[in-house]
């Protein structure tokens, strides 16, 4: 795009965004608008790719593993599979019908963009199931349960990474948890207990048990795709040797830290004074080393560790150290 058209597009974006009659914009405003435009386009393209990969993975898991062997999964997909096995309604139609209420609920609970992406993702999955036929991979029930759950969970996880869902159960769980004050996990567990109980009664106990393995595999794969291979731990350290600990984390371990200003309470030392509190995020593989180094500096340091689902920015990825 040449300079003239770039400026024309950016002025149009700024005009529509501000809804004003201003016709002249500074170079800074144009540059900022162009940067924001590039970020938005990049994120949109990334979301499209992730959702497309999620649809392909979920469709492969359904057609190559679950459908030929009459296994089901949890959530809205499980309901669709169960009704499809009992009746003559095609699965792709049920995927749309069952998830329609969740799309409207997602619009109310989360937002318009999420609802639009979810509608597109679910429609894409239904079209993929109806139009593309993947080959059957195996008839071994254990392999079907494990790998069917793996590909289905990977598909759901990739879609979530793209800002959508292809199974609307979690939207319902978020809504009910806000309304009744329960956890999302409890709501999902109750829904899936009802689904697998119905499968045991309407299909067979063996099918329900294998389907439970499918659900567990899908759930673990979903967590893996969303949270990544690294499991992060947030570490809060309260110590009178905070400066030494800070240098150790930054210079020896190559991690970033945040320093809070705190105040000691009246503990066993009977003192109350200002103190620096260190906070850092590390991977679980580095946790043992960090504890060892802290013990070398201050064996009496107070250390609190919390699980961190995901991170962005900062110095989470190890930087090269200069010696």
Protein backbone atom coordinates (compact mmCIF):
# COMPACT_ATOMS: atom_id res chain seq x y z
CA UNK A 1 0.00 0.00 0.00
CA UNK A 2 1.53 3.32 -1.02
CA UNK A 3 1.74 6.29 1.30
CA UNK A 4 -1.28 8.12 -0.15
CA UNK A 5 -3.67 5.21 0.20
CA UNK A 6 -2.29 4.34 3.65
CA UNK A 7 -3.05 7.84 4.91
CA UNK A 8 -6.46 7.80 3.23
CA UNK A 9 -7.43 4.51 4.92
CA UNK A 10 -6.16 5.66 8.30
CA UNK A 11 -8.00 8.98 8.09
CA UNK A 12 -11.17 7.07 7.24
CA UNK A 13 -10.69 4.81 10.28
CA UNK A 14 -10.06 7.75 12.59
CA UNK A 15 -13.04 9.67 11.20
CA UNK A 16 -15.42 6.73 11.70
CA UNK A 17 -14.01 5.96 15.14
CA UNK A 18 -14.37 9.51 16.42
CA UNK A 19 -17.51 10.42 14.49
CA UNK A 20 -16.25 13.98 14.12
CA UNK A 21 -15.72 16.46 11.32
CA UNK A 22 -11.96 16.69 11.88
CA UNK A 23 -10.16 16.31 8.56
CA UNK A 24 -6.53 16.86 9.63
CA UNK A 25 -4.59 14.42 11.78
CA UNK A 26 -1.03 14.60 13.02
CA UNK A 27 1.61 12.12 11.94
CA UNK A 28 1.55 10.70 15.47
CA UNK A 29 -2.20 10.05 15.31
CA UNK A 30 -1.85 8.41 11.90
CA UNK A 31 1.07 6.26 13.05
CA UNK A 32 -0.81 5.17 16.17
CA UNK A 33 -3.90 4.37 14.13
CA UNK A 34 -1.81 2.34 11.69
CA UNK A 35 -0.22 0.40 14.56
CA UNK A 36 -3.62 -0.31 16.12
CA UNK A 37 -4.94 -1.34 12.71
CA UNK A 38 -2.07 -3.80 12.18
CA UNK A 39 -2.57 -5.32 15.64
CA UNK A 40 -6.31 -5.75 15.04
CA UNK A 41 -5.79 -7.35 11.63
CA UNK A 42 -3.06 -9.66 12.94
CA UNK A 43 -5.22 -10.78 15.86
CA UNK A 44 -8.20 -11.34 13.57
CA UNK A 45 -6.14 -13.47 11.18
CA UNK A 46 -4.69 -15.40 14.10
CA UNK A 47 -8.18 -16.04 15.50
CA UNK A 48 -9.42 -17.24 12.10
CA UNK A 49 -6.53 -19.69 11.78
CA UNK A 50 -7.01 -21.03 15.32
CA UNK A 51 -10.76 -21.46 14.90
CA UNK A 52 -10.27 -23.19 11.52
CA UNK A 53 -7.73 -25.60 13.02
CA UNK A 54 -10.09 -26.21 15.93
CA UNK A 55 -12.96 -27.04 13.59
CA UNK A 56 -10.77 -29.44 11.58
CA UNK A 57 -9.48 -31.21 14.70
CA UNK A 58 -12.93 -31.57 16.29
CA UNK A 59 -14.47 -32.83 13.03
CA UNK A 60 -11.66 -35.38 12.65
CA UNK A 61 -12.18 -36.62 16.19
CA UNK A 62 -15.92 -36.96 15.66
CA UNK A 63 -15.89 -38.68 12.28
CA UNK A 64 -12.78 -40.84 12.55
CA UNK A 65 -13.26 -42.03 16.13
CA UNK A 66 -16.49 -41.22 17.99
CA UNK A 67 -19.27 -41.49 15.42
CA UNK A 68 -18.32 -44.88 13.89
CA UNK A 69 -18.09 -46.42 17.37
CA UNK A 70 -21.15 -44.67 18.84
CA UNK A 71 -19.22 -42.96 21.63
CA UNK A 72 -20.26 -39.62 23.07
CA UNK A 73 -18.57 -36.75 24.88
CA UNK A 74 -19.70 -34.32 27.54
CA UNK A 75 -21.35 -30.96 27.07
CA UNK A 76 -23.42 -29.78 24.13
CA UNK A 77 -21.45 -32.01 21.76
CA UNK A 78 -22.29 -35.01 23.95
CA UNK A 79 -25.98 -34.12 23.91
CA UNK A 80 -25.87 -33.85 20.13
CA UNK A 81 -24.10 -37.21 19.79
CA UNK A 82 -26.53 -38.91 22.18
CA UNK A 83 -29.64 -37.61 20.41
CA UNK A 84 -28.12 -38.48 17.03
CA UNK A 85 -27.55 -42.09 18.16
CA UNK A 86 -31.11 -42.43 19.47
CA UNK A 87 -32.89 -40.72 16.57
CA UNK A 88 -32.53 -40.12 12.88
CA UNK A 89 -31.54 -36.45 13.03
CA UNK A 90 -28.08 -35.85 11.45
CA UNK A 91 -25.36 -34.75 13.82
CA UNK A 92 -24.58 -31.51 11.94
CA UNK A 93 -28.15 -30.31 12.41
CA UNK A 94 -28.10 -31.16 16.11
CA UNK A 95 -24.82 -29.33 16.60
CA UNK A 96 -26.52 -26.18 15.36
CA UNK A 97 -29.82 -26.65 17.20
CA UNK A 98 -28.35 -27.59 20.57
CA UNK A 99 -25.86 -24.69 20.56
CA UNK A 100 -28.25 -21.93 19.41
CA UNK A 101 -29.43 -21.15 22.98
CA UNK A 102 -25.81 -21.03 24.16
CA UNK A 103 -24.92 -18.54 21.42
CA UNK A 104 -27.65 -16.14 22.57
CA UNK A 105 -26.60 -16.71 26.18
CA UNK A 106 -22.99 -15.98 25.22
CA UNK A 107 -24.11 -12.69 23.68
CA UNK A 108 -25.79 -11.75 26.95
CA UNK A 109 -23.11 -13.01 29.34
CA UNK A 110 -19.83 -12.36 27.48
CA UNK A 111 -20.44 -10.06 24.52
CA UNK A 112 -21.30 -9.54 20.88
CA UNK A 113 -17.88 -10.39 19.41
CA UNK A 114 -17.71 -13.67 21.31
CA UNK A 115 -21.23 -14.62 20.19
CA UNK A 116 -20.45 -13.88 16.52
CA UNK A 117 -17.21 -15.89 16.60
CA UNK A 118 -18.95 -18.77 18.37
CA UNK A 119 -21.79 -18.81 15.84
CA UNK A 120 -19.27 -18.90 12.99
CA UNK A 121 -17.22 -21.66 14.69
CA UNK A 122 -20.23 -23.89 15.41
CA UNK A 123 -21.61 -23.35 11.90
CA UNK A 124 -18.20 -24.18 10.46
CA UNK A 125 -18.05 -27.39 12.49
CA UNK A 126 -21.52 -28.40 11.33
CA UNK A 127 -20.61 -27.72 7.69
CA UNK A 128 -17.34 -29.66 8.08
CA UNK A 129 -19.14 -32.67 9.59
CA UNK A 130 -21.76 -32.58 6.83
CA UNK A 131 -19.41 -32.02 3.89
CA UNK A 132 -16.09 -33.73 4.69
CA UNK A 133 -15.82 -37.40 5.54
CA UNK A 134 -12.67 -38.46 7.33
CA UNK A 135 -11.65 -42.14 7.25
CA UNK A 136 -12.14 -44.41 10.24
CA UNK A 137 -8.82 -44.90 12.00
CA UNK A 138 -9.46 -47.79 14.40
CA UNK A 139 -12.18 -49.84 16.05
CA UNK A 140 -10.24 -50.52 19.24
CA UNK A 141 -12.53 -49.06 21.88
CA UNK A 142 -9.79 -47.80 24.17
CA UNK A 143 -7.91 -46.10 21.33
CA UNK A 144 -11.17 -44.59 20.09
CA UNK A 145 -11.96 -43.20 23.54
CA UNK A 146 -8.49 -41.77 24.12
CA UNK A 147 -7.73 -40.30 20.70
CA UNK A 148 -11.30 -39.26 19.97
CA UNK A 149 -11.19 -37.22 23.18
CA UNK A 150 -7.73 -35.89 22.30
CA UNK A 151 -8.72 -34.48 18.90
CA UNK A 152 -12.07 -33.18 20.16
CA UNK A 153 -10.43 -31.48 23.15
CA UNK A 154 -7.72 -30.01 20.93
CA UNK A 155 -10.40 -28.61 18.64
CA UNK A 156 -12.29 -27.00 21.50
CA UNK A 157 -9.07 -25.61 22.97
CA UNK A 158 -7.89 -24.09 19.69
CA UNK A 159 -11.30 -22.46 19.23
CA UNK A 160 -11.10 -20.99 22.73
CA UNK A 161 -7.66 -19.63 21.86
CA UNK A 162 -9.33 -17.97 18.88
CA UNK A 163 -11.97 -16.31 21.06
CA UNK A 164 -14.87 -18.71 20.43
CA UNK A 165 -16.25 -22.05 21.57
CA UNK A 166 -17.62 -24.99 19.59
CA UNK A 167 -19.32 -26.39 22.68
CA UNK A 168 -21.61 -23.97 24.50
CA UNK A 169 -21.76 -25.75 27.87
CA UNK A 170 -19.17 -23.49 29.46
CA UNK A 171 -21.25 -20.43 28.58
CA UNK A 172 -24.16 -21.96 30.49
CA UNK A 173 -21.82 -22.81 33.37
CA UNK A 174 -20.58 -19.20 33.56
CA UNK A 175 -24.16 -17.91 33.58
CA UNK A 176 -25.35 -20.33 36.29
CA UNK A 177 -22.25 -19.79 38.43
CA UNK A 178 -22.91 -16.04 38.46
CA UNK A 179 -26.57 -16.56 39.26
CA UNK A 180 -26.24 -19.17 42.01
CA UNK A 181 -22.77 -18.42 43.33
CA UNK A 182 -21.30 -21.83 42.51
CA UNK A 183 -18.08 -22.61 40.64
CA UNK A 184 -17.97 -23.18 36.89
CA UNK A 185 -16.37 -26.59 37.44
CA UNK A 186 -19.26 -27.73 39.66
CA UNK A 187 -21.85 -26.74 37.04
CA UNK A 188 -19.99 -28.54 34.24
CA UNK A 189 -19.61 -31.63 36.41
CA UNK A 190 -23.34 -31.75 37.17
CA UNK A 191 -24.25 -31.33 33.49
CA UNK A 192 -21.89 -34.13 32.44
CA UNK A 193 -23.12 -36.47 35.19
CA UNK A 194 -26.62 -36.10 33.75
CA UNK A 195 -25.37 -36.71 30.20
CA UNK A 196 -23.37 -39.84 31.04
CA UNK A 197 -26.16 -41.18 33.25
CA UNK A 198 -28.53 -40.83 30.30
CA UNK A 199 -25.99 -42.57 28.05
CA UNK A 200 -25.70 -45.47 30.51
CA UNK A 201 -29.48 -45.86 30.59
CA UNK A 202 -30.28 -45.29 26.90
CA UNK A 203 -27.20 -46.86 25.28
CA UNK A 204 -25.20 -49.14 27.57
CA UNK A 205 -23.05 -48.96 30.65
CA UNK A 206 -19.97 -49.96 28.61
CA UNK A 207 -20.53 -47.15 26.12
CA UNK A 208 -21.02 -44.67 28.96
CA UNK A 209 -17.77 -45.73 30.64
CA UNK A 210 -15.76 -45.49 27.44
CA UNK A 211 -17.41 -42.13 26.74
CA UNK A 212 -16.31 -40.99 30.18
CA UNK A 213 -12.71 -41.79 29.15
CA UNK A 214 -13.32 -39.73 26.02
CA UNK A 215 -14.50 -36.80 28.11
CA UNK A 216 -11.51 -37.03 30.45
CA UNK A 217 -9.11 -37.11 27.48
CA UNK A 218 -10.85 -34.13 25.89
CA UNK A 219 -10.78 -32.19 29.16
CA UNK A 220 -7.05 -32.76 29.73
CA UNK A 221 -6.21 -31.88 26.12
CA UNK A 222 -8.35 -28.74 26.38
CA UNK A 223 -6.42 -27.64 29.47
CA UNK A 224 -3.12 -28.40 27.74
CA UNK A 225 -3.98 -26.38 24.63
CA UNK A 226 -5.28 -23.39 26.60
CA UNK A 227 -2.64 -23.29 29.33
CA UNK A 228 0.33 -24.46 27.23
CA UNK A 229 3.11 -26.89 27.94
CA UNK A 230 4.56 -24.75 30.72
CA UNK A 231 2.69 -24.66 34.00
CA UNK A 232 3.44 -21.33 35.57
CA UNK A 233 3.67 -20.58 39.26
CA UNK A 234 3.39 -17.13 40.80
CA UNK A 235 5.81 -16.75 43.73
CA UNK A 236 5.48 -14.06 46.42
CA UNK A 237 8.53 -13.71 48.68
CA UNK A 238 8.67 -11.74 51.94
CA UNK A 239 12.18 -11.50 53.32
CA UNK A 240 14.49 -9.05 55.04
CA UNK A 241 17.00 -9.94 52.31
CA UNK A 242 14.68 -8.93 49.49
CA UNK A 243 17.34 -7.07 47.50
CA UNK A 244 19.61 -10.13 47.39
CA UNK A 245 16.70 -12.33 46.35
CA UNK A 246 15.71 -9.84 43.67
CA UNK A 247 19.23 -9.85 42.21
CA UNK A 248 19.33 -13.66 42.31
CA UNK A 249 16.05 -13.99 40.36
CA UNK A 250 17.05 -11.39 37.76
CA UNK A 251 20.74 -12.11 37.34
CA UNK A 252 21.02 -15.82 38.13
CA UNK A 253 17.67 -17.20 36.94
CA UNK A 254 17.04 -14.63 34.21
CA UNK A 255 13.49 -13.85 35.31
CA UNK A 256 11.61 -10.61 35.79
CA UNK A 257 10.34 -9.46 39.16
CA UNK A 258 7.86 -6.97 40.54
CA UNK A 259 8.65 -5.26 43.84
CA UNK A 260 5.79 -4.24 46.15
CA UNK A 261 6.15 -1.91 49.08
CA UNK A 262 4.80 -3.64 52.16
CA UNK A 263 4.86 -3.40 55.95
CA UNK A 264 5.69 -6.19 58.37
CA UNK A 265 3.06 -6.99 60.99
CA UNK A 266 3.68 -7.84 64.61
CA UNK A 267 5.05 -11.37 64.15
CA UNK A 268 7.39 -13.47 66.23
CA UNK A 269 10.07 -10.79 65.97
CA UNK A 270 7.79 -8.16 67.48
CA UNK A 271 8.66 -5.63 64.80
CA UNK A 272 6.70 -3.48 62.42
CA UNK A 273 8.63 -1.86 59.59
CA UNK A 274 8.57 -1.29 55.83
CA UNK A 275 9.78 -4.11 53.62
CA UNK A 276 10.02 -4.92 49.90
CA UNK A 277 7.87 -7.84 48.70
CA UNK A 278 9.13 -9.73 45.65
CA UNK A 279 6.76 -11.25 43.09
CA UNK A 280 7.85 -13.35 40.11
CA UNK A 281 6.38 -15.94 37.74
CA UNK A 282 8.36 -19.07 36.88
CA UNK A 283 7.72 -22.47 35.35
CA UNK A 284 7.25 -25.50 37.55
CA UNK A 285 10.56 -26.93 36.33
CA UNK A 286 12.39 -23.98 37.90
CA UNK A 287 10.53 -24.10 41.21
CA UNK A 288 13.00 -26.41 42.96
CA UNK A 289 15.97 -24.28 41.93
CA UNK A 290 14.27 -21.09 43.11
CA UNK A 291 13.52 -22.60 46.52
CA UNK A 292 17.12 -23.75 46.83
CA UNK A 293 18.50 -20.32 45.99
CA UNK A 294 16.09 -18.58 48.39
CA UNK A 295 17.10 -20.96 51.19
CA UNK A 296 20.77 -20.10 50.58
CA UNK A 297 20.01 -16.39 51.01
CA UNK A 298 17.33 -16.49 53.72
CA UNK A 299 16.14 -19.81 55.22
CA UNK A 300 13.39 -17.95 57.09
CA UNK A 301 11.90 -16.24 54.03
CA UNK A 302 8.11 -16.42 53.76
CA UNK A 303 7.22 -17.81 50.31
CA UNK A 304 3.68 -18.12 48.87
CA UNK A 305 3.11 -20.01 45.61
CA UNK A 306 0.02 -19.85 43.40
CA UNK A 307 -0.85 -21.60 40.16
CA UNK A 308 -0.94 -19.24 37.15
CA UNK A 309 -3.13 -20.24 34.19
CA UNK A 310 -1.44 -18.17 31.51
CA UNK A 311 0.90 -15.24 31.07
CA UNK A 312 1.58 -12.48 28.57
CA UNK A 313 4.57 -10.21 28.22
CA UNK A 314 7.24 -9.71 30.86
CA UNK A 315 10.26 -11.99 31.18
CA UNK A 316 8.55 -15.38 31.39
CA UNK A 317 10.65 -16.83 28.61
CA UNK A 318 14.22 -17.08 29.76
CA UNK A 319 16.50 -14.34 28.44
CA UNK A 320 20.16 -14.83 27.70
CA UNK A 321 22.44 -13.72 30.51
CA UNK A 322 25.70 -11.89 30.00
CA UNK A 323 28.55 -13.22 32.13
